[in-house]
Amino acid sequence: MGRKQHVRKVRVRESFFDQEGFGELPGRAVVKHGDALAVLEELEPKKFDLIITSPPYNIGKSYEVKRSIEEYLETQESIIDLMIRVLSDKGSICWQVGNYIEKSEIYPLDIFYYQIFKKHGLQLRNRIVWYFGHGLHASKRFSGRYETILWFTKNPDYIFNLDDVRVKSKYPGKRHFKGPNRGLPSGNPKGKNPSDIWEIVRSDWEGVLWNIPNVKSNHPEKTSHPCQFPVELVERCLLALTNKHSWVLDPFAGVGSTLVAAIKTNRNALGIEKEAKYCKIARERLKSLEEGTLRTRPINKPIHQPSATDKVARVPKEWLFDES
């Protein structure tokens, strides 16, 4: 894999409630096997500066029991109500969702979730588009290539570290052409605000879309989980919406991508996961991170663009024909 990564020590605990495994010290990563509703009821109020997750989409995965969209949203609202209780006053919720599909009809989940969060008094700061270039191909509609992240805050005063996520200005030499600052640089020496729609392709965070590859078969982070969260997607939210040593919660932790991102960015994290096999994988990934052997996609790595010499990028000879 190359040179060993230097990562500070990770404490992985079976239970969030172990006195030795819980506290304000940095570097805590806790994997809790259990149901999100049950665990959330026992957590300390206002503990977490960020709750970030990708909830089940109710699309019939092996770990889901598919229900009507009304039943599904009712259960999710119960979880959201408990999440708000453990969110700090300056905290944020990042809720990453795709679409619910029933009889080939699409229900955009972010629209339904927006109403739930608003009913509970949260304020939407951004609706972020996560674009990925590969996925399943549809036959009766256009192929889906994006999901959304709803970023809500609990109060008007919230953690937001813009300087930690600024991007290089495209025209740093621009100057004010009128007013008291005429002739002075008009931009910020630390870079520009990346806006609410980002493209991470040519350089880190520059452009108009969050272009982050989804975790498929050839992704370096791929595990047996069918809907895995990319680590770099979480890292970007952590850098902007938490401080170092903040506590982060993922109530549907899966294979622990949120916990990995938290440790990489010097945060603490609790992940709740009801499937024991995914808890096991999450702990293994954290152990690999501690040992410097965990493969993750770098946060600023450009998206691969095939060259003319790539065999799979060539037009098959069977498709070639003489238009004359």
Protein backbone atom coordinates (compact mmCIF):
# COMPACT_ATOMS: atom_id res chain seq x y z
CA MET A 1 0.00 0.00 0.00
CA GLY A 2 2.98 2.31 0.23
CA ARG A 3 4.25 4.21 3.22
CA LYS A 4 2.46 3.52 6.47
CA GLN A 5 -0.08 6.17 7.44
CA HIS A 6 0.55 7.92 10.75
CA VAL A 7 -2.76 7.97 12.62
CA ARG A 8 -3.17 8.76 16.28
CA LYS A 9 -4.28 5.92 18.52
CA VAL A 10 -7.89 4.80 18.29
CA ARG A 11 -9.86 3.45 21.23
CA VAL A 12 -12.55 1.05 20.05
CA ARG A 13 -15.09 0.10 22.68
CA GLU A 14 -17.93 -2.41 22.59
CA SER A 15 -20.13 -0.16 24.66
CA PHE A 16 -20.59 3.59 24.72
CA PHE A 17 -21.39 3.34 28.40
CA ASP A 18 -18.09 1.87 29.63
CA GLN A 19 -16.70 4.50 32.02
CA GLU A 20 -13.19 3.87 30.74
CA GLY A 21 -14.28 4.23 27.14
CA PHE A 22 -16.27 7.43 27.46
CA GLY A 23 -15.02 10.95 28.11
CA GLU A 24 -13.69 14.09 26.56
CA LEU A 25 -10.33 12.70 25.49
CA PRO A 26 -9.64 12.76 21.74
CA GLY A 27 -9.41 9.62 19.69
CA ARG A 28 -12.48 7.72 20.89
CA ALA A 29 -14.28 5.55 18.37
CA VAL A 30 -17.18 3.56 19.81
CA VAL A 31 -19.11 0.87 17.93
CA LYS A 32 -22.41 0.12 19.66
CA HIS A 33 -24.33 -2.97 18.52
CA GLY A 34 -28.01 -2.27 18.99
CA ASP A 35 -31.19 -0.68 17.71
CA ALA A 36 -30.97 3.07 17.11
CA LEU A 37 -34.20 3.84 18.97
CA ALA A 38 -33.17 1.91 22.07
CA VAL A 39 -29.63 3.31 22.23
CA LEU A 40 -30.66 6.91 21.56
CA GLU A 41 -33.01 6.83 24.54
CA GLU A 42 -30.06 6.14 26.86
CA LEU A 43 -27.61 8.74 25.58
CA GLU A 44 -26.61 11.92 27.34
CA PRO A 45 -28.56 15.01 26.16
CA LYS A 46 -26.80 17.59 23.97
CA LYS A 47 -23.64 15.49 23.65
CA PHE A 48 -23.02 15.58 19.90
CA ASP A 49 -21.97 18.51 17.73
CA LEU A 50 -22.83 16.59 14.57
CA ILE A 51 -25.18 13.75 13.73
CA ILE A 52 -24.43 12.46 10.26
CA THR A 53 -25.85 9.36 8.64
CA SER A 54 -27.41 7.73 5.64
CA PRO A 55 -30.62 6.12 6.96
CA PRO A 56 -32.16 2.99 5.42
CA TYR A 57 -34.03 3.92 2.25
CA ASN A 58 -36.75 1.25 2.62
CA ILE A 59 -35.88 -0.26 -0.76
CA GLY A 60 -35.77 -3.89 0.33
CA LYS A 61 -32.10 -4.43 1.19
CA SER A 62 -31.26 -7.57 3.15
CA TYR A 63 -31.13 -5.60 6.42
CA GLU A 64 -34.45 -3.81 5.82
CA VAL A 65 -38.10 -4.82 6.22
CA LYS A 66 -39.85 -2.96 3.43
CA ARG A 67 -42.97 -1.11 4.54
CA SER A 68 -45.26 1.54 3.14
CA ILE A 69 -43.64 4.95 2.89
CA GLU A 70 -46.01 6.22 5.60
CA GLU A 71 -44.90 3.52 8.07
CA TYR A 72 -41.26 4.03 7.14
CA LEU A 73 -41.37 7.80 7.74
CA GLU A 74 -43.24 7.36 11.02
CA THR A 75 -40.43 5.17 12.37
CA GLN A 76 -37.78 7.57 11.11
CA GLU A 77 -39.52 10.50 12.78
CA SER A 78 -39.34 8.70 16.14
CA ILE A 79 -35.57 8.36 15.66
CA ILE A 80 -35.20 11.99 14.58
CA ASP A 81 -37.05 13.15 17.70
CA LEU A 82 -34.53 11.30 19.91
CA MET A 83 -31.60 12.55 17.83
CA ILE A 84 -32.54 16.16 18.41
CA ARG A 85 -32.45 15.55 22.18
CA VAL A 86 -28.78 14.44 22.04
CA LEU A 87 -27.71 17.18 19.60
CA SER A 88 -25.77 20.07 21.13
CA ASP A 89 -27.21 23.56 20.98
CA LYS A 90 -24.61 24.53 18.34
CA GLY A 91 -24.90 21.20 16.54
CA SER A 92 -25.88 20.11 13.04
CA ILE A 93 -27.59 17.14 11.43
CA CYS A 94 -26.48 15.93 7.98
CA TRP A 95 -29.11 13.56 6.61
CA GLN A 96 -27.99 11.91 3.36
CA VAL A 97 -30.75 10.25 1.34
CA GLY A 98 -31.66 9.02 -2.11
CA ASN A 99 -35.06 7.93 -3.38
CA TYR A 100 -37.78 5.52 -2.25
CA ILE A 101 -39.12 3.51 -5.18
CA GLU A 102 -42.53 1.86 -5.29
CA LYS A 103 -43.99 0.28 -8.44
CA SER A 104 -41.36 2.11 -10.52
CA GLU A 105 -42.45 5.48 -9.12
CA ILE A 106 -39.82 7.62 -7.38
CA TYR A 107 -40.43 9.39 -4.09
CA PRO A 108 -37.57 11.84 -3.38
CA LEU A 109 -36.94 11.21 0.31
CA ASP A 110 -35.38 14.60 1.02
CA ILE A 111 -38.74 16.27 0.31
CA PHE A 112 -40.50 14.10 2.90
CA TYR A 113 -37.72 14.42 5.46
CA TYR A 114 -37.63 18.21 5.13
CA GLN A 115 -41.17 18.43 6.51
CA ILE A 116 -40.28 16.21 9.47
CA PHE A 117 -37.20 18.19 10.47
CA LYS A 118 -39.06 21.50 10.12
CA LYS A 119 -41.87 20.22 12.31
CA HIS A 120 -39.27 19.55 15.00
CA GLY A 121 -37.95 23.12 14.81
CA LEU A 122 -34.71 22.56 12.88
CA GLN A 123 -33.46 25.03 10.28
CA LEU A 124 -32.21 24.00 6.84
CA ARG A 125 -28.87 25.60 5.96
CA ASN A 126 -28.06 23.81 2.72
CA ARG A 127 -29.35 21.08 0.47
CA ILE A 128 -26.14 19.58 -0.86
CA VAL A 129 -25.99 17.49 -4.01
CA TRP A 130 -23.68 14.47 -3.95
CA TYR A 131 -22.97 13.48 -7.54
CA PHE A 132 -21.40 10.17 -8.53
CA GLY A 133 -20.61 9.10 -12.08
CA HIS A 134 -21.36 5.39 -11.83
CA GLY A 135 -24.22 3.23 -10.60
CA LEU A 136 -27.08 1.00 -11.70
CA HIS A 137 -28.55 1.64 -15.13
CA ALA A 138 -32.29 2.23 -15.36
CA SER A 139 -34.32 1.00 -18.32
CA LYS A 140 -37.58 2.94 -17.89
CA ARG A 141 -36.22 6.26 -16.63
CA PHE A 142 -32.92 8.16 -16.65
CA SER A 143 -30.24 6.51 -14.52
CA GLY A 144 -29.91 8.09 -11.07
CA ARG A 145 -26.52 9.65 -10.42
CA TYR A 146 -26.96 11.83 -7.35
CA GLU A 147 -28.21 11.86 -3.78
CA THR A 148 -28.76 14.75 -1.41
CA ILE A 149 -27.53 15.80 2.01
CA LEU A 150 -29.90 17.92 4.07
CA TRP A 151 -27.89 20.04 6.50
CA PHE A 152 -30.01 21.23 9.42
CA THR A 153 -29.01 23.15 12.55
CA LYS A 154 -30.69 23.22 15.93
CA ASN A 155 -30.29 26.98 16.45
CA PRO A 156 -29.21 30.11 14.54
CA ASP A 157 -25.84 30.00 16.35
CA TYR A 158 -24.02 26.89 15.09
CA ILE A 159 -20.52 25.58 14.39
CA PHE A 160 -19.36 26.44 10.90
CA ASN A 161 -15.65 26.50 10.09
CA LEU A 162 -15.64 28.08 6.66
CA ASP A 163 -11.88 28.67 6.65
CA ASP A 164 -11.30 24.92 6.99
CA VAL A 165 -13.13 24.22 3.73
CA ARG A 166 -12.27 27.21 1.54
CA VAL A 167 -11.06 26.45 -1.98
CA LYS A 168 -8.49 28.16 -4.13
CA SER A 169 -9.83 31.27 -5.84
CA LYS A 170 -10.09 31.03 -9.60
CA TYR A 171 -9.24 34.72 -10.04
CA PRO A 172 -7.27 35.79 -6.93
CA GLY A 173 -6.04 38.90 -8.73
CA LYS A 174 -9.50 40.50 -8.98
CA ARG A 175 -9.74 43.94 -7.37
CA HIS A 176 -12.51 46.29 -6.30
CA PHE A 177 -13.21 48.72 -9.15
CA LYS A 178 -15.11 51.32 -7.11
CA GLY A 179 -15.88 52.44 -3.57
CA PRO A 180 -13.52 52.95 -0.61
CA ASN A 181 -11.65 49.70 -1.39
CA ARG A 182 -11.05 50.56 -5.03
CA GLY A 183 -7.83 48.98 -6.27
CA LEU A 184 -7.57 46.53 -3.36
CA PRO A 185 -7.98 42.73 -3.77
CA SER A 186 -11.67 41.81 -3.68
CA GLY A 187 -11.29 38.20 -2.60
CA ASN A 188 -10.24 36.42 0.57
CA PRO A 189 -6.55 35.48 0.92
CA LYS A 190 -7.61 32.13 2.41
CA GLY A 191 -9.67 31.24 -0.66
CA LYS A 192 -13.32 31.35 -1.65
CA ASN A 193 -16.49 29.87 -0.19
CA PRO A 194 -17.12 26.60 -2.07
CA SER A 195 -20.90 27.32 -2.30
CA ASP A 196 -23.62 24.74 -1.67
CA ILE A 197 -23.05 22.61 -4.77
CA TRP A 198 -19.54 21.30 -5.26
CA GLU A 199 -17.61 19.33 -7.82
CA ILE A 200 -14.55 17.55 -6.43
CA VAL A 201 -12.85 16.67 -9.68
CA ARG A 202 -9.92 18.84 -10.75
CA SER A 203 -8.93 19.96 -7.29
CA ASP A 204 -10.30 19.63 -3.79
CA TRP A 205 -13.79 21.17 -3.49
CA GLU A 206 -13.56 23.34 -6.62
CA GLY A 207 -16.48 23.65 -9.03
CA VAL A 208 -20.21 23.05 -8.74
CA LEU A 209 -20.96 19.49 -7.57
CA TRP A 210 -19.81 17.15 -4.84
CA ASN A 211 -18.38 14.61 -7.28
CA ILE A 212 -17.42 11.74 -4.97
CA PRO A 213 -17.39 8.15 -6.27
CA ASN A 214 -19.91 5.87 -4.64
CA VAL A 215 -18.46 2.77 -3.03
CA LYS A 216 -18.72 0.05 -5.68
CA SER A 217 -16.70 -3.06 -6.48
CA ASN A 218 -13.41 -1.36 -7.42
CA HIS A 219 -13.52 1.34 -4.73
CA PRO A 220 -10.64 1.03 -2.21
CA GLU A 221 -13.08 1.18 0.71
CA LYS A 222 -15.46 -1.55 -0.52
CA THR A 223 -16.73 -4.05 2.06
CA SER A 224 -19.68 -6.46 2.03
CA HIS A 225 -22.12 -3.65 2.89
CA PRO A 226 -24.43 -2.97 -0.12
CA CYS A 227 -24.88 0.78 0.52
CA GLN A 228 -21.58 1.98 1.94
CA PHE A 229 -20.91 5.60 2.89
CA PRO A 230 -17.71 7.07 1.31
CA VAL A 231 -15.29 8.27 3.99
CA GLU A 232 -14.39 11.48 2.13
CA LEU A 233 -18.04 12.55 2.02
CA VAL A 234 -18.14 12.44 5.83
CA GLU A 235 -14.74 14.13 6.20
CA ARG A 236 -15.92 17.23 4.37
CA CYS A 237 -18.90 17.60 6.70
CA LEU A 238 -16.78 17.02 9.80
CA LEU A 239 -14.23 19.66 8.85
CA ALA A 240 -16.88 22.31 8.33
CA LEU A 241 -19.45 21.50 11.01
CA THR A 242 -17.44 20.32 14.03
CA ASN A 243 -14.36 21.31 15.98
CA LYS A 244 -11.41 19.12 16.87
CA HIS A 245 -12.35 16.67 19.64
CA SER A 246 -16.09 17.16 19.02
CA TRP A 247 -18.33 14.14 19.46
CA VAL A 248 -20.04 12.85 16.30
CA LEU A 249 -22.94 10.39 16.11
CA ASP A 250 -23.98 8.02 13.33
CA PRO A 251 -27.22 6.21 14.33
CA PHE A 252 -27.04 3.92 11.27
CA ALA A 253 -23.30 3.33 11.25
CA GLY A 254 -23.05 0.41 8.85
CA VAL A 255 -19.39 -0.54 8.47
CA GLY A 256 -18.11 2.52 10.33
CA SER A 257 -17.21 5.07 7.64
CA THR A 258 -18.28 7.94 9.92
CA LEU A 259 -16.05 6.62 12.70
CA VAL A 260 -13.09 6.31 10.34
CA ALA A 261 -13.59 9.88 9.10
CA ALA A 262 -13.90 11.16 12.66
CA ILE A 263 -10.60 9.65 13.75
CA LYS A 264 -8.85 10.91 10.61
CA THR A 265 -10.01 14.46 11.38
CA ASN A 266 -9.25 14.35 15.12
CA ARG A 267 -12.85 13.95 16.29
CA ASN A 268 -14.60 11.38 18.52
CA ALA A 269 -17.49 9.26 17.30
CA LEU A 270 -20.21 6.85 18.34
CA GLY A 271 -21.70 4.55 15.72
CA ILE A 272 -24.90 2.58 16.36
CA GLU A 273 -25.51 -0.46 14.15
CA LYS A 274 -28.10 -3.22 14.55
CA GLU A 275 -26.32 -5.77 12.32
CA ALA A 276 -23.58 -7.60 14.23
CA LYS A 277 -21.67 -8.47 11.06
CA TYR A 278 -21.32 -4.79 10.16
CA CYS A 279 -20.20 -3.92 13.69
CA LYS A 280 -17.46 -6.51 13.29
CA ILE A 281 -16.33 -4.98 9.99
CA ALA A 282 -16.39 -1.47 11.51
CA ARG A 283 -14.10 -2.57 14.34
CA GLU A 284 -11.78 -4.27 11.86
CA ARG A 285 -11.58 -1.09 9.79
CA LEU A 286 -10.77 1.00 12.86
CA LYS A 287 -8.08 -1.48 13.82
CA SER A 288 -6.62 -1.25 10.31
CA LEU A 289 -6.72 2.54 10.56
CA GLU A 290 -4.77 2.39 13.80
CA GLU A 291 -2.20 0.08 12.17
CA GLY A 292 -1.92 2.31 9.10
CA THR A 293 -3.20 -0.33 6.68
CA LEU A 294 -6.74 0.89 6.01
CA ARG A 295 -7.33 1.92 2.39
CA THR A 296 -9.41 5.06 1.95
CA ARG A 297 -9.85 7.37 -0.99
CA PRO A 298 -7.92 10.65 -0.38
CA ILE A 299 -10.16 13.64 0.15
CA ASN A 300 -8.61 15.60 -2.75
CA LYS A 301 -7.99 12.82 -5.26
CA PRO A 302 -9.24 13.68 -8.78
CA ILE A 303 -11.92 11.49 -10.35
CA HIS A 304 -10.39 8.98 -12.78
CA GLN A 305 -10.73 9.95 -16.42
CA PRO A 306 -10.11 7.12 -18.93
CA SER A 307 -7.45 7.70 -21.56
CA ALA A 308 -7.67 6.83 -25.24
CA THR A 309 -5.42 3.83 -24.60
CA ASP A 310 -7.79 2.26 -22.04
CA LYS A 311 -9.35 -0.81 -23.62
CA VAL A 312 -12.73 -0.32 -21.97
CA ALA A 313 -12.87 3.30 -23.21
CA ARG A 314 -12.69 2.28 -26.86
CA VAL A 315 -15.78 1.86 -29.04
CA PRO A 316 -16.30 -1.90 -29.66
CA LYS A 317 -15.60 -2.91 -33.24
CA GLU A 318 -19.09 -4.46 -33.36
CA TRP A 319 -20.56 -0.97 -33.02
CA LEU A 320 -18.60 0.51 -35.88
CA PHE A 321 -20.36 0.92 -39.20
CA ASP A 322 -19.95 2.74 -42.46
CA GLU A 323 -22.32 5.73 -42.61
CA SER A 324 -21.77 6.12 -46.37
